[in-house]
Amino acid sequence: MISGDLFRLDDRRALVVGAGSGIGAAVAQGLSAFGAAVLCADARIDAAEATAEAIGGPAVHLDLLDPSASGAVLDAHGAPDILVTTPAINVRKRIADYSDDDLDRVVDLNLKGVFRLCRTFGAAMAAAGSGSMIGFASVRAVTTEPGQGAYAATKAATVMLFRTLAAELGGSGVRANVIAPGVVETPLTKPIQDDAAWYKAYAEKPILRRWATADEMVGAALFLASDASSYVTGTTLFVDGGWTAADGRYDPTV
């Protein structure tokens, strides 16, 4: 029987990594609004505390660049029912201009940090026998442009990481899925927002002809966190305004 409580998260604990700003903050607030007890985690503890104060919950320092951080949070707070990870960095340079330091900055956070987080909490959630793991990738996992090589590679890797988590942990009752946003107004995209021509070019690419707000990512996260998606795992949900559905920035004559 279908219940009106299909999206409710009462009595569930969520850990949102990157909850200090942008999409992470919006998702933390959204999950809380539907009943989850949310632990707000961020490398900037003051930012995590600000989000936590807004929803009346706790905050914790968690820096994905620290190999021991995930284990410390697990030891202190236990395995969550819902894990959401949003942090990422982008160094916009053509591949030929990339230094090893540039590459390390992107890979260390976007791939290695997320991998360690999922390794730690995936094992704990599997031991508990249930849970939903939600990663944030990007349309750059499947479509790129000059200057996005390392970022796009890590986002494609995020998709495959979560597919593998789904395959390995599904038998233990843990689901793993990815949300792939298009262009979203967040601190990460601030340099683009500040460039009028660049902002306009990106706004014209999606079918909906506009950027998204961080709040528009919440519905997808809520769906994947809740029983509404109880038979969904190993998938990528594009929340991109149609960016990846249509080709070109023109209106052809039909």
Protein backbone atom coordinates (compact mmCIF):
# COMPACT_ATOMS: atom_id res chain seq x y z
CA MET A 1 0.00 0.00 0.00
CA ILE A 2 1.32 3.45 -0.93
CA SER A 3 1.66 5.73 2.07
CA GLY A 4 1.68 9.50 2.26
CA ASP A 5 4.82 9.08 4.36
CA LEU A 6 6.85 7.69 1.45
CA PHE A 7 9.31 10.57 1.58
CA ARG A 8 9.44 10.94 5.36
CA LEU A 9 12.77 10.37 7.09
CA ASP A 10 11.65 10.23 10.71
CA ASP A 11 13.89 8.15 12.99
CA ARG A 12 16.71 8.20 10.42
CA ARG A 13 20.12 9.72 10.89
CA ALA A 14 21.85 11.51 8.05
CA LEU A 15 25.46 12.60 7.67
CA VAL A 16 25.82 15.40 5.12
CA VAL A 17 29.42 16.13 4.19
CA GLY A 18 29.87 19.61 2.77
CA ALA A 19 26.91 20.92 4.75
CA GLY A 20 28.57 24.28 5.34
CA SER A 21 27.50 25.87 2.06
CA GLY A 22 25.92 25.46 -1.35
CA ILE A 23 24.27 22.19 -2.25
CA GLY A 24 25.38 20.50 0.97
CA ALA A 25 23.72 23.14 3.14
CA ALA A 26 20.51 22.96 1.11
CA VAL A 27 20.40 19.16 1.30
CA ALA A 28 21.03 19.18 5.05
CA GLN A 29 18.13 21.57 5.54
CA GLY A 30 15.89 19.57 3.22
CA LEU A 31 16.52 16.21 4.88
CA SER A 32 15.93 17.80 8.26
CA ALA A 33 12.63 19.27 7.08
CA PHE A 34 11.44 15.75 6.26
CA GLY A 35 12.31 14.38 9.68
CA ALA A 36 15.91 13.21 9.54
CA ALA A 37 18.33 13.89 12.37
CA VAL A 38 21.14 15.52 10.38
CA LEU A 39 24.79 15.69 11.37
CA CYS A 40 26.32 18.60 9.47
CA ALA A 41 29.94 17.96 8.49
CA ASP A 42 32.37 20.26 6.75
CA ALA A 43 36.08 21.04 6.58
CA ARG A 44 35.09 24.48 7.89
CA ILE A 45 33.55 23.81 11.27
CA ASP A 46 32.16 27.32 11.58
CA ALA A 47 30.20 26.86 8.36
CA ALA A 48 28.94 23.45 9.49
CA GLU A 49 27.84 24.96 12.80
CA ALA A 50 25.92 27.71 11.02
CA THR A 51 23.89 25.17 9.04
CA ALA A 52 23.44 22.98 12.10
CA GLU A 53 22.15 25.92 14.11
CA ALA A 54 19.60 26.68 11.40
CA ILE A 55 18.14 23.17 11.62
CA GLY A 56 18.68 22.58 15.33
CA GLY A 57 21.21 19.79 14.99
CA PRO A 58 24.86 18.98 15.68
CA ALA A 59 27.94 19.76 13.61
CA VAL A 60 31.29 18.05 13.21
CA HIS A 61 34.59 18.85 11.54
CA LEU A 62 35.31 16.51 8.65
CA ASP A 63 38.04 17.31 6.14
CA LEU A 64 38.07 14.80 3.28
CA LEU A 65 41.75 15.56 2.72
CA ASP A 66 42.55 14.04 6.11
CA PRO A 67 42.81 10.23 5.74
CA SER A 68 41.80 9.69 9.36
CA ALA A 69 38.83 12.07 9.45
CA SER A 70 36.10 9.71 8.31
CA GLY A 71 37.09 7.07 10.82
CA ALA A 72 37.12 9.61 13.63
CA VAL A 73 33.59 10.79 12.78
CA LEU A 74 32.37 7.19 12.54
CA ASP A 75 33.88 6.36 15.94
CA ALA A 76 32.25 9.40 17.52
CA HIS A 77 28.82 9.27 15.89
CA GLY A 78 28.29 5.78 14.51
CA ALA A 79 26.97 4.71 11.11
CA PRO A 80 24.25 6.92 9.61
CA ASP A 81 21.19 5.70 7.75
CA ILE A 82 21.87 8.26 5.02
CA LEU A 83 25.24 9.50 3.77
CA VAL A 84 25.47 12.48 1.42
CA THR A 85 28.77 13.82 0.10
CA THR A 86 29.04 17.05 -1.90
CA PRO A 87 32.56 18.61 -1.63
CA ALA A 88 34.58 19.10 -4.81
CA ILE A 89 37.18 21.43 -6.28
CA ASN A 90 37.96 22.47 -9.85
CA VAL A 91 41.19 23.89 -11.26
CA ARG A 92 40.24 25.30 -14.67
CA LYS A 93 43.22 24.76 -16.94
CA ARG A 94 43.83 22.90 -20.16
CA ILE A 95 45.46 19.51 -19.63
CA ALA A 96 48.74 20.64 -21.21
CA ASP A 97 48.95 23.45 -18.65
CA TYR A 98 48.20 21.30 -15.59
CA SER A 99 50.92 20.88 -12.99
CA ASP A 100 51.18 17.84 -10.76
CA ASP A 101 50.13 20.05 -7.85
CA ASP A 102 46.99 21.09 -9.74
CA LEU A 103 46.16 17.46 -10.44
CA ASP A 104 46.76 16.45 -6.84
CA ARG A 105 44.45 19.21 -5.57
CA VAL A 106 41.56 17.96 -7.71
CA VAL A 107 42.11 14.22 -7.33
CA ASP A 108 42.91 14.30 -3.61
CA LEU A 109 39.54 15.84 -2.74
CA ASN A 110 37.16 14.81 -5.52
CA LEU A 111 38.27 11.19 -5.79
CA LYS A 112 40.55 10.06 -2.97
CA GLY A 113 38.68 11.94 -0.26
CA VAL A 114 35.28 10.70 -1.43
CA PHE A 115 36.65 7.17 -1.87
CA ARG A 116 37.94 7.05 1.72
CA LEU A 117 34.66 8.46 3.05
CA CYS A 118 32.64 5.84 1.19
CA ARG A 119 35.01 3.04 2.15
CA THR A 120 34.65 3.88 5.83
CA PHE A 121 30.93 4.54 6.02
CA GLY A 122 29.94 2.02 3.35
CA ALA A 123 31.43 -0.78 5.43
CA ALA A 124 29.70 0.49 8.57
CA MET A 125 26.33 0.87 6.87
CA ALA A 126 26.64 -2.61 5.38
CA ALA A 127 27.37 -4.00 8.83
CA ALA A 128 24.20 -2.28 10.06
CA GLY A 129 22.23 -3.89 7.24
CA SER A 130 20.72 -0.85 5.54
CA GLY A 131 21.30 2.66 4.29
CA SER A 132 21.40 5.05 1.38
CA MET A 133 24.65 6.54 0.07
CA ILE A 134 24.33 9.60 -2.17
CA GLY A 135 27.21 11.14 -4.07
CA PHE A 136 27.24 14.32 -6.11
CA ALA A 137 28.85 14.17 -9.54
CA SER A 138 28.13 16.60 -12.37
CA VAL A 139 27.09 16.78 -16.00
CA ARG A 140 30.87 16.87 -16.47
CA ALA A 141 30.82 13.13 -15.81
CA VAL A 142 29.48 12.68 -19.35
CA THR A 143 30.15 15.96 -21.18
CA THR A 144 33.11 18.28 -20.93
CA GLU A 145 34.76 21.40 -22.34
CA PRO A 146 38.32 22.78 -22.51
CA GLY A 147 39.73 23.35 -19.04
CA GLN A 148 37.60 20.68 -17.35
CA GLY A 149 39.76 17.59 -17.89
CA ALA A 150 40.72 16.69 -14.32
CA TYR A 151 37.39 17.75 -12.83
CA ALA A 152 35.42 15.81 -15.45
CA ALA A 153 37.59 12.75 -14.91
CA THR A 154 36.96 12.77 -11.16
CA LYS A 155 33.22 13.22 -11.66
CA ALA A 156 33.10 10.29 -14.07
CA ALA A 157 35.05 8.35 -11.44
CA THR A 158 32.46 9.31 -8.82
CA VAL A 159 29.74 7.72 -10.94
CA MET A 160 31.70 4.49 -11.26
CA LEU A 161 32.64 4.51 -7.57
CA PHE A 162 28.99 4.63 -6.55
CA ARG A 163 27.98 2.01 -9.09
CA THR A 164 30.59 -0.26 -7.58
CA LEU A 165 29.37 0.54 -4.07
CA ALA A 166 25.87 -0.42 -5.21
CA ALA A 167 27.17 -3.73 -6.59
CA GLU A 168 29.26 -4.55 -3.54
CA LEU A 169 26.90 -3.42 -0.79
CA GLY A 170 23.48 -4.16 -2.25
CA GLY A 171 23.43 -7.62 -0.73
CA SER A 172 23.84 -5.98 2.67
CA GLY A 173 20.86 -3.69 2.19
CA VAL A 174 22.79 -0.54 1.26
CA ARG A 175 21.84 1.50 -1.81
CA ALA A 176 24.27 3.85 -3.57
CA ASN A 177 23.31 6.47 -6.14
CA VAL A 178 24.64 9.66 -7.70
CA ILE A 179 23.07 13.04 -8.42
CA ALA A 180 24.56 14.90 -11.39
CA PRO A 181 23.72 18.61 -11.34
CA GLY A 182 24.13 20.99 -14.23
CA VAL A 183 25.11 24.59 -13.54
CA VAL A 184 24.17 25.57 -10.00
CA GLU A 185 24.64 28.91 -8.26
CA THR A 186 27.06 27.93 -5.49
CA PRO A 187 30.38 29.22 -4.14
CA LEU A 188 32.20 26.80 -6.49
CA THR A 189 30.74 28.53 -9.55
CA LYS A 190 31.17 32.08 -8.25
CA PRO A 191 33.88 32.98 -10.81
CA ILE A 192 31.47 32.07 -13.63
CA GLN A 193 28.57 33.94 -12.07
CA ASP A 194 30.75 37.04 -11.90
CA ASP A 195 31.45 36.91 -15.64
CA ALA A 196 28.30 38.11 -17.43
CA ALA A 197 29.11 36.55 -20.80
CA TRP A 198 30.13 33.22 -19.27
CA TYR A 199 27.06 33.17 -17.04
CA LYS A 200 24.78 33.83 -20.02
CA ALA A 201 26.43 31.14 -22.14
CA TYR A 202 25.84 28.54 -19.45
CA ALA A 203 22.27 29.76 -18.86
CA GLU A 204 21.47 29.21 -22.54
CA LYS A 205 22.75 25.62 -22.65
CA PRO A 206 20.08 23.77 -20.58
CA ILE A 207 16.64 23.22 -22.08
CA LEU A 208 15.18 25.28 -19.22
CA ARG A 209 17.49 28.18 -20.22
CA ARG A 210 18.64 29.08 -16.73
CA TRP A 211 20.94 28.14 -13.90
CA ALA A 212 19.71 26.07 -10.97
CA THR A 213 19.70 27.06 -7.33
CA ALA A 214 21.10 24.80 -4.63
CA ASP A 215 17.59 24.26 -3.29
CA GLU A 216 16.62 22.58 -6.57
CA MET A 217 18.94 19.68 -5.74
CA VAL A 218 17.06 18.85 -2.56
CA GLY A 219 14.17 16.95 -4.15
CA ALA A 220 16.50 14.49 -5.84
CA ALA A 221 18.43 13.93 -2.61
CA LEU A 222 15.22 13.44 -0.66
CA PHE A 223 14.00 10.90 -3.22
CA LEU A 224 17.23 8.88 -3.05
CA ALA A 225 17.40 9.08 0.74
CA SER A 226 13.83 7.93 1.32
CA ASP A 227 11.71 4.82 0.78
CA ALA A 228 10.42 6.45 -2.39
CA SER A 229 13.56 5.07 -4.05
CA SER A 230 13.67 1.73 -2.24
CA TYR A 231 14.32 -0.16 -5.51
CA VAL A 232 16.77 2.37 -6.95
CA THR A 233 20.50 1.73 -6.71
CA GLY A 234 23.55 2.11 -8.91
CA THR A 235 21.98 4.91 -10.93
CA THR A 236 22.78 8.52 -11.81
CA LEU A 237 19.99 11.07 -11.55
CA PHE A 238 20.65 14.10 -13.74
CA VAL A 239 19.27 17.33 -12.29
CA ASP A 240 20.58 19.54 -15.06
CA GLY A 241 17.64 21.41 -16.58
CA GLY A 242 18.00 19.27 -19.69
CA TRP A 243 21.69 20.09 -20.25
CA THR A 244 22.57 16.53 -21.32
CA ALA A 245 19.31 15.85 -23.18
CA ALA A 246 19.72 18.27 -26.10
CA ASP A 247 22.58 19.17 -28.41
CA GLY A 248 23.60 22.72 -29.27
CA ARG A 249 22.67 26.23 -28.22
CA TYR A 250 20.49 27.10 -31.19
CA ASP A 251 16.88 26.76 -32.36
CA PRO A 252 16.98 24.79 -35.62
CA THR A 253 14.24 25.09 -38.22
CA VAL A 254 12.05 21.99 -38.01
